[in-house]
Amino acid sequence: MADEKETKEVEVPAKFKSLVESIEKLSVLELSELVHLLEEKFGVSAAAPIAVAAAPAAGNGAPAEEEKTSFNVVLTKVGDKKIEVIKVVRDATGKGLKEAKDLVDAAVAGAQVVKEGAGKDEAAELKKKLEAAGATVELK
């Protein structure tokens, strides 16, 4: 699936063409700094919004809320052992070194989803491995 995303051509409107070309020339670190700067300047966040659904009220005939079985593993902080974190991300996602490094580098600027839809045990195991590598992780 990651390959489909990389090869997808996007039609860039003429008014944004020079801006997109400039951004394409930035390194991952420079792009991360740019995102952080824009977040601060405009008071926004580039992190994906998380939808929060209200739980049904108990006792109204609605079934009790089922235990969550699918989790997103979110890398919130990289920590001091960045290389170890990259290795864990590579193993968990099957991504190449560059893609894993880019994901970890992006986590410096804001939380990044390492794995979507992981089972409870798989998510807990991945969280344990990432935390052992020095990262801070959330299960959502």
N, C-alpha and C. Protein backbone atom coordinates (compact mmCIF):
# COMPACT_ATOMS: atom_id res chain seq x y z
N MET A 1 0.81 -1.19 0.00
CA MET A 1 0.00 0.00 0.00
C MET A 1 0.85 1.26 0.00
N ALA A 2 1.98 1.24 0.70
CA ALA A 2 2.86 2.40 0.74
C ALA A 2 3.37 2.75 -0.65
N ASP A 3 3.59 1.72 -1.48
CA ASP A 3 4.08 1.96 -2.83
C ASP A 3 3.06 2.71 -3.66
N GLU A 4 1.75 2.40 -3.45
CA GLU A 4 0.71 3.08 -4.20
C GLU A 4 0.74 4.57 -3.87
N LYS A 5 0.95 4.90 -2.61
CA LYS A 5 0.96 6.29 -2.18
C LYS A 5 2.13 7.05 -2.79
N GLU A 6 3.29 6.39 -2.92
CA GLU A 6 4.47 7.04 -3.44
C GLU A 6 4.36 7.31 -4.94
N THR A 7 3.71 6.43 -5.68
CA THR A 7 3.65 6.57 -7.13
C THR A 7 2.45 7.37 -7.61
N LYS A 8 1.56 7.73 -6.73
CA LYS A 8 0.35 8.47 -7.09
C LYS A 8 0.71 9.88 -7.53
N GLU A 9 0.27 10.26 -8.71
CA GLU A 9 0.48 11.61 -9.23
C GLU A 9 -0.65 12.50 -8.76
N VAL A 10 -0.31 13.68 -8.30
CA VAL A 10 -1.29 14.64 -7.82
C VAL A 10 -1.23 15.85 -8.73
N GLU A 11 -2.38 16.31 -9.17
CA GLU A 11 -2.49 17.49 -10.01
C GLU A 11 -2.32 18.73 -9.14
N VAL A 12 -1.26 19.49 -9.36
CA VAL A 12 -0.98 20.68 -8.57
C VAL A 12 -1.46 21.90 -9.34
N PRO A 13 -2.36 22.70 -8.73
CA PRO A 13 -2.83 23.91 -9.40
C PRO A 13 -1.66 24.85 -9.68
N ALA A 14 -1.74 25.60 -10.76
CA ALA A 14 -0.66 26.49 -11.20
C ALA A 14 -0.24 27.48 -10.11
N LYS A 15 -1.19 27.98 -9.33
CA LYS A 15 -0.85 28.98 -8.31
C LYS A 15 0.01 28.40 -7.19
N PHE A 16 0.04 27.05 -7.03
CA PHE A 16 0.85 26.41 -5.99
C PHE A 16 2.08 25.70 -6.54
N LYS A 17 2.24 25.68 -7.85
CA LYS A 17 3.31 24.90 -8.48
C LYS A 17 4.70 25.26 -7.96
N SER A 18 5.04 26.54 -7.89
CA SER A 18 6.38 26.93 -7.43
C SER A 18 6.57 26.62 -5.95
N LEU A 19 5.53 26.77 -5.17
CA LEU A 19 5.61 26.45 -3.75
C LEU A 19 5.86 24.95 -3.55
N VAL A 20 5.12 24.12 -4.26
CA VAL A 20 5.28 22.66 -4.16
C VAL A 20 6.68 22.25 -4.62
N GLU A 21 7.17 22.86 -5.68
CA GLU A 21 8.52 22.54 -6.16
C GLU A 21 9.57 22.90 -5.11
N SER A 22 9.39 24.02 -4.42
CA SER A 22 10.33 24.42 -3.36
C SER A 22 10.28 23.43 -2.20
N ILE A 23 9.09 23.01 -1.82
CA ILE A 23 8.94 22.06 -0.72
C ILE A 23 9.55 20.72 -1.07
N GLU A 24 9.42 20.30 -2.32
CA GLU A 24 9.98 19.01 -2.74
C GLU A 24 11.50 18.97 -2.59
N LYS A 25 12.15 20.11 -2.63
CA LYS A 25 13.61 20.17 -2.53
C LYS A 25 14.10 20.12 -1.09
N LEU A 26 13.20 20.24 -0.11
CA LEU A 26 13.60 20.23 1.30
C LEU A 26 13.93 18.83 1.78
N SER A 27 14.85 18.75 2.74
CA SER A 27 15.14 17.46 3.39
C SER A 27 14.01 17.17 4.36
N VAL A 28 13.96 15.97 4.87
CA VAL A 28 12.92 15.59 5.82
C VAL A 28 13.01 16.46 7.08
N LEU A 29 14.21 16.71 7.53
CA LEU A 29 14.39 17.53 8.72
C LEU A 29 13.92 18.96 8.48
N GLU A 30 14.27 19.52 7.31
CA GLU A 30 13.83 20.88 6.98
C GLU A 30 12.31 20.94 6.85
N LEU A 31 11.72 19.91 6.27
CA LEU A 31 10.27 19.86 6.12
C LEU A 31 9.60 19.77 7.49
N SER A 32 10.18 18.99 8.38
CA SER A 32 9.67 18.87 9.74
C SER A 32 9.70 20.22 10.44
N GLU A 33 10.81 20.95 10.28
CA GLU A 33 10.94 22.28 10.87
C GLU A 33 9.90 23.24 10.30
N LEU A 34 9.66 23.15 8.99
CA LEU A 34 8.67 24.00 8.34
C LEU A 34 7.28 23.73 8.90
N VAL A 35 6.93 22.45 9.04
CA VAL A 35 5.62 22.09 9.57
C VAL A 35 5.47 22.65 10.98
N HIS A 36 6.50 22.47 11.80
CA HIS A 36 6.46 22.97 13.18
C HIS A 36 6.28 24.50 13.19
N LEU A 37 7.02 25.19 12.34
CA LEU A 37 6.91 26.64 12.24
C LEU A 37 5.50 27.07 11.85
N LEU A 38 4.93 26.40 10.85
CA LEU A 38 3.57 26.74 10.40
C LEU A 38 2.53 26.45 11.49
N GLU A 39 2.73 25.36 12.22
CA GLU A 39 1.82 25.05 13.32
C GLU A 39 1.83 26.17 14.37
N GLU A 40 3.03 26.63 14.72
CA GLU A 40 3.14 27.70 15.71
C GLU A 40 2.59 29.02 15.19
N LYS A 41 2.95 29.36 13.94
CA LYS A 41 2.53 30.64 13.37
C LYS A 41 1.01 30.76 13.27
N PHE A 42 0.35 29.67 12.84
CA PHE A 42 -1.08 29.73 12.60
C PHE A 42 -1.92 29.08 13.70
N GLY A 43 -1.25 28.53 14.72
CA GLY A 43 -1.98 27.94 15.84
C GLY A 43 -2.79 26.72 15.45
N VAL A 44 -2.22 25.92 14.55
CA VAL A 44 -2.90 24.71 14.09
C VAL A 44 -2.01 23.50 14.35
N SER A 45 -2.55 22.32 14.05
CA SER A 45 -1.77 21.09 14.20
C SER A 45 -1.87 20.27 12.94
N ALA A 46 -0.72 19.69 12.50
CA ALA A 46 -0.72 18.84 11.32
C ALA A 46 -1.06 17.41 11.68
N ALA A 47 -1.23 17.12 12.98
CA ALA A 47 -1.59 15.76 13.40
C ALA A 47 -3.00 15.45 12.91
N ALA A 48 -3.20 14.20 12.54
CA ALA A 48 -4.51 13.77 12.06
C ALA A 48 -5.54 13.91 13.18
N PRO A 49 -6.69 14.51 12.88
CA PRO A 49 -7.71 14.64 13.92
C PRO A 49 -8.28 13.27 14.29
N ILE A 50 -8.63 13.14 15.55
CA ILE A 50 -9.16 11.87 16.04
C ILE A 50 -10.63 12.08 16.36
N ALA A 51 -11.49 11.31 15.73
CA ALA A 51 -12.91 11.41 15.97
C ALA A 51 -13.25 10.75 17.31
N VAL A 52 -14.02 11.45 18.12
CA VAL A 52 -14.42 10.91 19.41
C VAL A 52 -15.93 10.69 19.36
N ALA A 53 -16.34 9.45 19.54
CA ALA A 53 -17.76 9.13 19.52
C ALA A 53 -18.25 9.00 20.96
N ALA A 54 -19.43 9.51 21.22
CA ALA A 54 -20.00 9.41 22.55
C ALA A 54 -20.46 7.98 22.80
N ALA A 55 -20.17 7.47 23.98
CA ALA A 55 -20.59 6.12 24.34
C ALA A 55 -22.08 6.15 24.65
N PRO A 56 -22.83 5.10 24.29
CA PRO A 56 -24.26 5.08 24.59
C PRO A 56 -24.48 5.05 26.11
N ALA A 57 -25.51 5.73 26.56
CA ALA A 57 -25.82 5.76 27.98
C ALA A 57 -26.25 4.38 28.46
N ALA A 58 -25.75 3.98 29.61
CA ALA A 58 -26.08 2.66 30.15
C ALA A 58 -27.52 2.66 30.62
N GLY A 59 -28.20 1.52 30.47
CA GLY A 59 -29.55 1.37 30.99
C GLY A 59 -30.64 1.86 30.05
N ASN A 60 -30.32 2.27 28.83
CA ASN A 60 -31.35 2.74 27.93
C ASN A 60 -31.69 1.70 26.87
N GLY A 61 -31.32 0.45 27.15
CA GLY A 61 -31.62 -0.62 26.21
C GLY A 61 -30.55 -0.80 25.16
N ALA A 62 -29.58 0.08 25.11
CA ALA A 62 -28.48 -0.04 24.16
C ALA A 62 -27.49 -1.08 24.68
N PRO A 63 -26.87 -1.83 23.78
CA PRO A 63 -25.90 -2.82 24.24
C PRO A 63 -24.70 -2.13 24.88
N ALA A 64 -24.08 -2.82 25.83
CA ALA A 64 -22.90 -2.27 26.49
C ALA A 64 -21.79 -2.09 25.47
N GLU A 65 -20.93 -1.13 25.69
CA GLU A 65 -19.84 -0.85 24.76
C GLU A 65 -18.91 -2.07 24.70
N GLU A 66 -18.62 -2.48 23.48
CA GLU A 66 -17.74 -3.63 23.30
C GLU A 66 -16.30 -3.24 23.58
N GLU A 67 -15.51 -4.21 24.02
CA GLU A 67 -14.10 -3.96 24.27
C GLU A 67 -13.43 -3.68 22.93
N LYS A 68 -12.57 -2.69 22.92
CA LYS A 68 -11.88 -2.31 21.70
C LYS A 68 -10.90 -3.42 21.30
N THR A 69 -10.94 -3.82 20.03
CA THR A 69 -10.08 -4.91 19.57
C THR A 69 -9.08 -4.44 18.52
N SER A 70 -9.23 -3.22 18.04
CA SER A 70 -8.35 -2.70 17.01
C SER A 70 -7.74 -1.40 17.49
N PHE A 71 -6.41 -1.30 17.40
CA PHE A 71 -5.71 -0.14 17.93
C PHE A 71 -4.78 0.46 16.89
N ASN A 72 -4.58 1.76 16.99
CA ASN A 72 -3.55 2.43 16.22
C ASN A 72 -2.39 2.69 17.17
N VAL A 73 -1.19 2.30 16.75
CA VAL A 73 0.00 2.53 17.56
C VAL A 73 0.59 3.86 17.08
N VAL A 74 0.64 4.85 18.00
CA VAL A 74 1.04 6.20 17.65
C VAL A 74 2.35 6.55 18.36
N LEU A 75 3.35 6.90 17.57
CA LEU A 75 4.65 7.32 18.09
C LEU A 75 4.56 8.80 18.40
N THR A 76 4.67 9.16 19.70
CA THR A 76 4.52 10.56 20.08
C THR A 76 5.86 11.25 20.33
N LYS A 77 6.84 10.50 20.84
CA LYS A 77 8.18 11.06 21.04
C LYS A 77 9.20 9.99 20.70
N VAL A 78 10.29 10.39 20.08
CA VAL A 78 11.31 9.45 19.61
C VAL A 78 12.27 9.05 20.72
N GLY A 79 12.70 9.98 21.53
CA GLY A 79 13.65 9.69 22.59
C GLY A 79 15.09 9.78 22.09
N ASP A 80 16.03 9.31 22.91
CA ASP A 80 17.45 9.44 22.61
C ASP A 80 17.99 8.38 21.64
N LYS A 81 17.33 7.23 21.58
CA LYS A 81 17.85 6.13 20.76
C LYS A 81 17.08 6.03 19.44
N LYS A 82 17.24 7.05 18.61
CA LYS A 82 16.50 7.15 17.36
C LYS A 82 16.73 5.95 16.44
N ILE A 83 17.97 5.48 16.36
CA ILE A 83 18.28 4.35 15.47
C ILE A 83 17.55 3.10 15.92
N GLU A 84 17.48 2.87 17.23
CA GLU A 84 16.75 1.71 17.76
C GLU A 84 15.26 1.80 17.42
N VAL A 85 14.72 3.01 17.53
CA VAL A 85 13.31 3.23 17.21
C VAL A 85 13.06 2.96 15.73
N ILE A 86 13.96 3.42 14.87
CA ILE A 86 13.83 3.18 13.43
C ILE A 86 13.84 1.68 13.15
N LYS A 87 14.70 0.92 13.82
CA LYS A 87 14.75 -0.53 13.62
C LYS A 87 13.43 -1.18 14.01
N VAL A 88 12.86 -0.78 15.14
CA VAL A 88 11.58 -1.35 15.58
C VAL A 88 10.47 -1.00 14.57
N VAL A 89 10.46 0.25 14.10
CA VAL A 89 9.44 0.68 13.13
C VAL A 89 9.58 -0.13 11.84
N ARG A 90 10.81 -0.34 11.38
CA ARG A 90 11.04 -1.15 10.16
C ARG A 90 10.49 -2.56 10.33
N ASP A 91 10.82 -3.20 11.45
CA ASP A 91 10.36 -4.56 11.70
C ASP A 91 8.84 -4.64 11.78
N ALA A 92 8.23 -3.66 12.44
CA ALA A 92 6.78 -3.68 12.66
C ALA A 92 5.98 -3.39 11.40
N THR A 93 6.52 -2.54 10.54
CA THR A 93 5.75 -2.09 9.38
C THR A 93 6.14 -2.75 8.07
N GLY A 94 7.35 -3.31 8.04
CA GLY A 94 7.84 -3.89 6.79
C GLY A 94 8.30 -2.82 5.81
N LYS A 95 8.43 -1.59 6.28
CA LYS A 95 8.88 -0.50 5.41
C LYS A 95 10.39 -0.58 5.22
N GLY A 96 10.86 0.09 4.21
CA GLY A 96 12.29 0.19 3.97
C GLY A 96 12.92 1.15 4.96
N LEU A 97 14.24 1.19 4.95
CA LEU A 97 14.97 2.04 5.89
C LEU A 97 14.59 3.51 5.73
N LYS A 98 14.52 3.99 4.50
CA LYS A 98 14.19 5.41 4.26
C LYS A 98 12.80 5.75 4.77
N GLU A 99 11.82 4.88 4.46
CA GLU A 99 10.44 5.15 4.89
C GLU A 99 10.33 5.13 6.41
N ALA A 100 11.00 4.16 7.06
CA ALA A 100 10.96 4.07 8.52
C ALA A 100 11.63 5.30 9.14
N LYS A 101 12.76 5.72 8.58
CA LYS A 101 13.47 6.90 9.08
C LYS A 101 12.61 8.15 8.90
N ASP A 102 11.96 8.27 7.74
CA ASP A 102 11.10 9.43 7.49
C ASP A 102 9.95 9.49 8.50
N LEU A 103 9.36 8.34 8.82
CA LEU A 103 8.27 8.29 9.78
C LEU A 103 8.77 8.72 11.16
N VAL A 104 9.91 8.19 11.58
CA VAL A 104 10.48 8.54 12.88
C VAL A 104 10.87 10.03 12.90
N ASP A 105 11.47 10.53 11.83
CA ASP A 105 11.83 11.94 11.76
C ASP A 105 10.58 12.83 11.87
N ALA A 106 9.51 12.41 11.22
CA ALA A 106 8.26 13.18 11.26
C ALA A 106 7.66 13.19 12.66
N ALA A 107 7.92 12.13 13.44
CA ALA A 107 7.39 12.05 14.80
C ALA A 107 8.03 13.09 15.71
N VAL A 108 9.16 13.65 15.31
CA VAL A 108 9.79 14.70 16.09
C VAL A 108 8.89 15.95 16.09
N ALA A 109 8.24 16.22 14.97
CA ALA A 109 7.38 17.39 14.84
C ALA A 109 5.98 17.14 15.37
N GLY A 110 5.50 15.92 15.27
CA GLY A 110 4.14 15.61 15.73
C GLY A 110 3.93 14.11 15.71
N ALA A 111 2.95 13.66 16.46
CA ALA A 111 2.67 12.23 16.59
C ALA A 111 2.43 11.59 15.22
N GLN A 112 2.95 10.37 15.05
CA GLN A 112 2.81 9.64 13.79
C GLN A 112 2.27 8.24 14.06
N VAL A 113 1.34 7.79 13.23
CA VAL A 113 0.80 6.44 13.36
C VAL A 113 1.82 5.46 12.77
N VAL A 114 2.27 4.52 13.59
CA VAL A 114 3.22 3.51 13.15
C VAL A 114 2.47 2.33 12.56
N LYS A 115 1.37 1.93 13.19
CA LYS A 115 0.59 0.79 12.72
C LYS A 115 -0.88 1.06 12.99
N GLU A 116 -1.70 0.86 11.97
CA GLU A 116 -3.14 1.06 12.10
C GLU A 116 -3.84 -0.29 12.20
N GLY A 117 -4.89 -0.34 12.99
CA GLY A 117 -5.73 -1.53 13.07
C GLY A 117 -5.05 -2.76 13.65
N ALA A 118 -4.09 -2.55 14.52
CA ALA A 118 -3.39 -3.69 15.13
C ALA A 118 -4.28 -4.30 16.21
N GLY A 119 -4.17 -5.62 16.37
CA GLY A 119 -4.90 -6.30 17.43
C GLY A 119 -4.35 -5.89 18.78
N LYS A 120 -5.11 -6.19 19.83
CA LYS A 120 -4.73 -5.77 21.18
C LYS A 120 -3.34 -6.28 21.56
N ASP A 121 -3.08 -7.56 21.36
CA ASP A 121 -1.79 -8.14 21.73
C ASP A 121 -0.65 -7.58 20.88
N GLU A 122 -0.90 -7.48 19.56
CA GLU A 122 0.12 -6.95 18.65
C GLU A 122 0.45 -5.50 19.01
N ALA A 123 -0.57 -4.70 19.29
CA ALA A 123 -0.35 -3.29 19.64
C ALA A 123 0.42 -3.17 20.95
N ALA A 124 0.08 -4.00 21.93
CA ALA A 124 0.78 -3.96 23.21
C ALA A 124 2.24 -4.38 23.05
N GLU A 125 2.49 -5.39 22.24
CA GLU A 125 3.85 -5.86 22.00
C GLU A 125 4.68 -4.78 21.29
N LEU A 126 4.10 -4.14 20.28
CA LEU A 126 4.80 -3.09 19.55
C LEU A 126 5.08 -1.90 20.47
N LYS A 127 4.11 -1.55 21.29
CA LYS A 127 4.31 -0.46 22.25
C LYS A 127 5.47 -0.79 23.18
N LYS A 128 5.50 -2.01 23.66
CA LYS A 128 6.57 -2.46 24.57
C LYS A 128 7.94 -2.35 23.89
N LYS A 129 8.04 -2.78 22.63
CA LYS A 129 9.31 -2.73 21.89
C LYS A 129 9.76 -1.29 21.66
N LEU A 130 8.81 -0.42 21.27
CA LEU A 130 9.16 0.98 21.01
C LEU A 130 9.58 1.69 22.30
N GLU A 131 8.89 1.38 23.39
CA GLU A 131 9.26 2.00 24.67
C GLU A 131 10.62 1.50 25.14
N ALA A 132 10.92 0.22 24.86
CA ALA A 132 12.23 -0.33 25.22
C ALA A 132 13.34 0.38 24.42
N ALA A 133 13.00 0.87 23.22
CA ALA A 133 13.95 1.60 22.39
C ALA A 133 14.04 3.07 22.78
N GLY A 134 13.25 3.48 23.78
CA GLY A 134 13.32 4.84 24.27
C GLY A 134 12.23 5.79 23.77
N ALA A 135 11.28 5.27 22.99
CA ALA A 135 10.22 6.11 22.43
C ALA A 135 9.04 6.22 23.40
N THR A 136 8.20 7.20 23.15
CA THR A 136 6.93 7.35 23.87
C THR A 136 5.82 7.01 22.89
N VAL A 137 4.91 6.12 23.32
CA VAL A 137 3.90 5.58 22.41
C VAL A 137 2.52 5.63 23.06
N GLU A 138 1.50 5.84 22.24
CA GLU A 138 0.12 5.80 22.69
C GLU A 138 -0.63 4.77 21.85
N LEU A 139 -1.60 4.12 22.47
CA LEU A 139 -2.50 3.22 21.73
C LEU A 139 -3.84 3.92 21.66
N LYS A 140 -4.34 4.07 20.44
CA LYS A 140 -5.63 4.77 20.26
C LYS A 140 -6.57 3.88 19.50
